[in-house]
Amino acid sequence: MAAIVSSPVSIVNATGLHARPAANVVNVAKQYQSDIKLVFKAIEANAKSVVSVMGLDVSLGDKIQIKADGPDAQAAITALTQVISSGCGEK
């Protein structure tokens, strides 16, 4: 099965994906069996690792893509797109 890649998703958090939003992304990603990566400027980060997500060093307005491979890949991309585009639970 080939990986599915999302459309670009804009980072809306003022401070990017720092600790709290990164943890929220990871918590959602861990609900899925698929291998999930966040992609920024050709760098891939494991969406199930807070350190990896924070290591992308994305800022407000940056665009990332979500890449998933596995049995629930489309559901994972849909959920993560919604979480990231809505600010990862932050105001």
N, C-alpha and C. Protein backbone atom coordinates (compact mmCIF):
# COMPACT_ATOMS: atom_id res chain seq x y z
N MET A 1 0.85 -1.19 0.00
CA MET A 1 0.00 0.00 0.00
C MET A 1 0.89 1.25 0.00
N ALA A 2 0.57 2.18 -0.85
CA ALA A 2 1.36 3.41 -0.94
C ALA A 2 0.89 4.43 0.09
N ALA A 3 1.82 5.25 0.51
CA ALA A 3 1.49 6.29 1.49
C ALA A 3 0.55 7.31 0.87
N ILE A 4 -0.28 7.89 1.71
CA ILE A 4 -1.18 8.97 1.30
C ILE A 4 -0.59 10.25 1.86
N VAL A 5 -0.61 11.33 1.07
CA VAL A 5 -0.06 12.61 1.50
C VAL A 5 -1.18 13.65 1.44
N SER A 6 -1.30 14.44 2.50
CA SER A 6 -2.33 15.48 2.57
C SER A 6 -1.99 16.67 1.70
N SER A 7 -2.98 17.51 1.51
CA SER A 7 -2.74 18.84 0.96
C SER A 7 -1.96 19.62 2.00
N PRO A 8 -1.32 20.73 1.62
CA PRO A 8 -0.62 21.53 2.63
C PRO A 8 -1.56 22.04 3.72
N VAL A 9 -1.08 21.99 4.95
CA VAL A 9 -1.84 22.46 6.11
C VAL A 9 -1.05 23.60 6.74
N SER A 10 -1.69 24.73 6.95
CA SER A 10 -1.02 25.90 7.54
C SER A 10 -0.94 25.78 9.05
N ILE A 11 0.19 26.20 9.60
CA ILE A 11 0.37 26.26 11.05
C ILE A 11 -0.25 27.58 11.52
N VAL A 12 -1.22 27.48 12.42
CA VAL A 12 -1.92 28.68 12.89
C VAL A 12 -1.52 29.08 14.31
N ASN A 13 -0.68 28.28 14.95
CA ASN A 13 -0.23 28.60 16.30
C ASN A 13 0.82 29.70 16.26
N ALA A 14 0.66 30.70 17.10
CA ALA A 14 1.56 31.86 17.11
C ALA A 14 3.02 31.44 17.31
N THR A 15 3.25 30.40 18.09
CA THR A 15 4.62 29.96 18.36
C THR A 15 4.96 28.65 17.66
N GLY A 16 4.20 28.30 16.63
CA GLY A 16 4.47 27.07 15.89
C GLY A 16 4.06 25.84 16.68
N LEU A 17 4.68 24.71 16.37
CA LEU A 17 4.36 23.47 17.08
C LEU A 17 5.34 23.27 18.23
N HIS A 18 5.19 24.10 19.27
CA HIS A 18 6.01 23.94 20.47
C HIS A 18 5.42 22.82 21.32
N ALA A 19 5.81 22.69 22.55
CA ALA A 19 5.51 21.52 23.37
C ALA A 19 4.02 21.14 23.44
N ARG A 20 3.16 22.08 23.84
CA ARG A 20 1.74 21.72 24.00
C ARG A 20 1.08 21.32 22.69
N PRO A 21 1.17 22.14 21.63
CA PRO A 21 0.54 21.70 20.39
C PRO A 21 1.16 20.42 19.83
N ALA A 22 2.46 20.27 19.98
CA ALA A 22 3.12 19.05 19.50
C ALA A 22 2.58 17.83 20.25
N ALA A 23 2.39 17.97 21.56
CA ALA A 23 1.84 16.87 22.36
C ALA A 23 0.42 16.54 21.92
N ASN A 24 -0.37 17.56 21.57
CA ASN A 24 -1.73 17.31 21.09
C ASN A 24 -1.72 16.57 19.76
N VAL A 25 -0.82 16.94 18.88
CA VAL A 25 -0.68 16.25 17.59
C VAL A 25 -0.32 14.78 17.84
N VAL A 26 0.65 14.55 18.71
CA VAL A 26 1.11 13.19 19.02
C VAL A 26 -0.03 12.36 19.61
N ASN A 27 -0.79 12.95 20.52
CA ASN A 27 -1.90 12.21 21.14
C ASN A 27 -2.92 11.76 20.11
N VAL A 28 -3.19 12.60 19.12
CA VAL A 28 -4.12 12.21 18.04
C VAL A 28 -3.48 11.14 17.17
N ALA A 29 -2.22 11.34 16.79
CA ALA A 29 -1.53 10.39 15.90
C ALA A 29 -1.46 9.00 16.51
N LYS A 30 -1.27 8.93 17.82
CA LYS A 30 -1.14 7.63 18.49
C LYS A 30 -2.44 6.82 18.50
N GLN A 31 -3.55 7.44 18.13
CA GLN A 31 -4.83 6.73 18.06
C GLN A 31 -4.93 5.87 16.80
N TYR A 32 -3.97 6.01 15.89
CA TYR A 32 -4.03 5.32 14.61
C TYR A 32 -2.89 4.32 14.48
N GLN A 33 -3.16 3.23 13.74
CA GLN A 33 -2.16 2.18 13.53
C GLN A 33 -1.13 2.57 12.49
N SER A 34 -1.51 3.43 11.56
CA SER A 34 -0.65 3.79 10.44
C SER A 34 0.65 4.45 10.89
N ASP A 35 1.65 4.35 10.02
CA ASP A 35 2.90 5.08 10.18
C ASP A 35 2.60 6.50 9.70
N ILE A 36 2.77 7.50 10.56
CA ILE A 36 2.39 8.88 10.23
C ILE A 36 3.59 9.79 10.38
N LYS A 37 3.81 10.60 9.36
CA LYS A 37 4.91 11.57 9.37
C LYS A 37 4.35 12.97 9.08
N LEU A 38 4.96 13.97 9.66
CA LEU A 38 4.71 15.36 9.28
C LEU A 38 5.88 15.75 8.40
N VAL A 39 5.60 16.42 7.28
CA VAL A 39 6.63 16.75 6.31
C VAL A 39 6.72 18.27 6.17
N PHE A 40 7.93 18.80 6.34
CA PHE A 40 8.18 20.24 6.21
C PHE A 40 9.52 20.43 5.51
N LYS A 41 9.50 21.08 4.35
CA LYS A 41 10.74 21.33 3.58
C LYS A 41 11.55 20.05 3.38
N ALA A 42 10.87 18.98 2.99
CA ALA A 42 11.49 17.68 2.71
C ALA A 42 12.03 16.96 3.95
N ILE A 43 11.77 17.50 5.13
CA ILE A 43 12.15 16.83 6.37
C ILE A 43 10.93 16.11 6.91
N GLU A 44 11.08 14.85 7.28
CA GLU A 44 9.97 14.09 7.82
C GLU A 44 10.17 13.88 9.32
N ALA A 45 9.07 14.07 10.06
CA ALA A 45 9.09 13.87 11.51
C ALA A 45 8.05 12.82 11.88
N ASN A 46 8.40 11.95 12.79
CA ASN A 46 7.47 10.96 13.30
C ASN A 46 6.37 11.68 14.07
N ALA A 47 5.12 11.58 13.60
CA ALA A 47 4.00 12.29 14.23
C ALA A 47 3.62 11.70 15.58
N LYS A 48 4.24 10.60 15.96
CA LYS A 48 3.96 9.97 17.25
C LYS A 48 5.05 10.26 18.28
N SER A 49 5.93 11.23 17.97
CA SER A 49 7.03 11.61 18.86
C SER A 49 7.05 13.13 19.04
N VAL A 50 6.86 13.58 20.28
CA VAL A 50 6.86 15.02 20.56
C VAL A 50 8.19 15.64 20.15
N VAL A 51 9.29 15.00 20.48
CA VAL A 51 10.61 15.53 20.16
C VAL A 51 10.77 15.65 18.65
N SER A 52 10.32 14.65 17.92
CA SER A 52 10.42 14.68 16.46
C SER A 52 9.58 15.81 15.86
N VAL A 53 8.33 15.96 16.34
CA VAL A 53 7.45 17.02 15.83
C VAL A 53 8.04 18.39 16.13
N MET A 54 8.52 18.60 17.35
CA MET A 54 9.12 19.88 17.71
C MET A 54 10.39 20.15 16.89
N GLY A 55 11.09 19.08 16.51
CA GLY A 55 12.32 19.20 15.74
C GLY A 55 12.11 19.76 14.34
N LEU A 56 10.87 19.74 13.84
CA LEU A 56 10.60 20.34 12.52
C LEU A 56 10.80 21.85 12.56
N ASP A 57 10.65 22.43 13.76
CA ASP A 57 10.86 23.87 13.96
C ASP A 57 9.97 24.71 13.03
N VAL A 58 8.67 24.34 12.98
CA VAL A 58 7.74 25.11 12.16
C VAL A 58 7.23 26.32 12.92
N SER A 59 6.91 27.38 12.17
CA SER A 59 6.45 28.64 12.74
C SER A 59 5.08 28.99 12.19
N LEU A 60 4.49 30.01 12.77
CA LEU A 60 3.21 30.52 12.31
C LEU A 60 3.25 30.78 10.80
N GLY A 61 2.27 30.26 10.08
CA GLY A 61 2.18 30.47 8.65
C GLY A 61 2.90 29.45 7.79
N ASP A 62 3.78 28.63 8.40
CA ASP A 62 4.44 27.57 7.63
C ASP A 62 3.39 26.55 7.18
N LYS A 63 3.67 25.88 6.09
CA LYS A 63 2.78 24.85 5.59
C LYS A 63 3.48 23.50 5.67
N ILE A 64 2.78 22.53 6.25
CA ILE A 64 3.31 21.17 6.34
C ILE A 64 2.35 20.23 5.62
N GLN A 65 2.81 19.01 5.40
CA GLN A 65 1.93 17.97 4.88
C GLN A 65 1.99 16.80 5.84
N ILE A 66 0.93 16.01 5.81
CA ILE A 66 0.84 14.82 6.64
C ILE A 66 0.91 13.62 5.71
N LYS A 67 1.81 12.70 6.02
CA LYS A 67 1.99 11.51 5.20
C LYS A 67 1.69 10.29 6.07
N ALA A 68 0.81 9.44 5.59
CA ALA A 68 0.44 8.26 6.39
C ALA A 68 0.41 7.02 5.50
N ASP A 69 0.82 5.92 6.08
CA ASP A 69 0.85 4.64 5.38
C ASP A 69 0.35 3.57 6.34
N GLY A 70 -0.76 2.95 6.00
CA GLY A 70 -1.31 1.90 6.86
C GLY A 70 -2.80 1.77 6.69
N PRO A 71 -3.41 0.91 7.52
CA PRO A 71 -4.82 0.58 7.35
C PRO A 71 -5.79 1.73 7.58
N ASP A 72 -5.39 2.69 8.40
CA ASP A 72 -6.29 3.82 8.71
C ASP A 72 -5.65 5.16 8.32
N ALA A 73 -4.86 5.13 7.25
CA ALA A 73 -4.09 6.30 6.83
C ALA A 73 -4.99 7.50 6.53
N GLN A 74 -6.07 7.30 5.77
CA GLN A 74 -6.92 8.43 5.42
C GLN A 74 -7.59 9.03 6.64
N ALA A 75 -8.04 8.20 7.56
CA ALA A 75 -8.67 8.69 8.79
C ALA A 75 -7.66 9.48 9.63
N ALA A 76 -6.43 9.00 9.68
CA ALA A 76 -5.39 9.70 10.44
C ALA A 76 -5.10 11.06 9.83
N ILE A 77 -4.99 11.13 8.51
CA ILE A 77 -4.73 12.40 7.84
C ILE A 77 -5.88 13.38 8.08
N THR A 78 -7.10 12.89 7.97
CA THR A 78 -8.27 13.75 8.20
C THR A 78 -8.26 14.32 9.61
N ALA A 79 -8.03 13.47 10.61
CA ALA A 79 -8.03 13.91 12.01
C ALA A 79 -6.89 14.89 12.29
N LEU A 80 -5.70 14.58 11.82
CA LEU A 80 -4.55 15.46 12.07
C LEU A 80 -4.67 16.78 11.33
N THR A 81 -5.21 16.76 10.12
CA THR A 81 -5.43 18.01 9.39
C THR A 81 -6.34 18.92 10.19
N GLN A 82 -7.40 18.36 10.74
CA GLN A 82 -8.35 19.17 11.52
C GLN A 82 -7.71 19.71 12.79
N VAL A 83 -6.95 18.87 13.50
CA VAL A 83 -6.30 19.31 14.74
C VAL A 83 -5.29 20.42 14.46
N ILE A 84 -4.46 20.24 13.46
CA ILE A 84 -3.42 21.23 13.16
C ILE A 84 -4.03 22.54 12.64
N SER A 85 -4.99 22.43 11.74
CA SER A 85 -5.57 23.66 11.17
C SER A 85 -6.44 24.41 12.15
N SER A 86 -6.83 23.75 13.25
CA SER A 86 -7.64 24.44 14.28
C SER A 86 -6.79 24.91 15.46
N GLY A 87 -5.46 24.78 15.37
CA GLY A 87 -4.58 25.29 16.42
C GLY A 87 -4.18 24.31 17.48
N CYS A 88 -4.43 23.04 17.27
CA CYS A 88 -3.98 21.99 18.20
C CYS A 88 -4.52 22.19 19.61
N GLY A 89 -5.73 22.70 19.72
CA GLY A 89 -6.34 22.88 21.04
C GLY A 89 -5.98 24.15 21.74
N GLU A 90 -5.19 25.02 21.11
CA GLU A 90 -4.83 26.29 21.72
C GLU A 90 -5.71 27.40 21.17
N LYS A 91 -5.86 28.45 21.93
CA LYS A 91 -6.65 29.61 21.49
C LYS A 91 -5.83 30.48 20.56
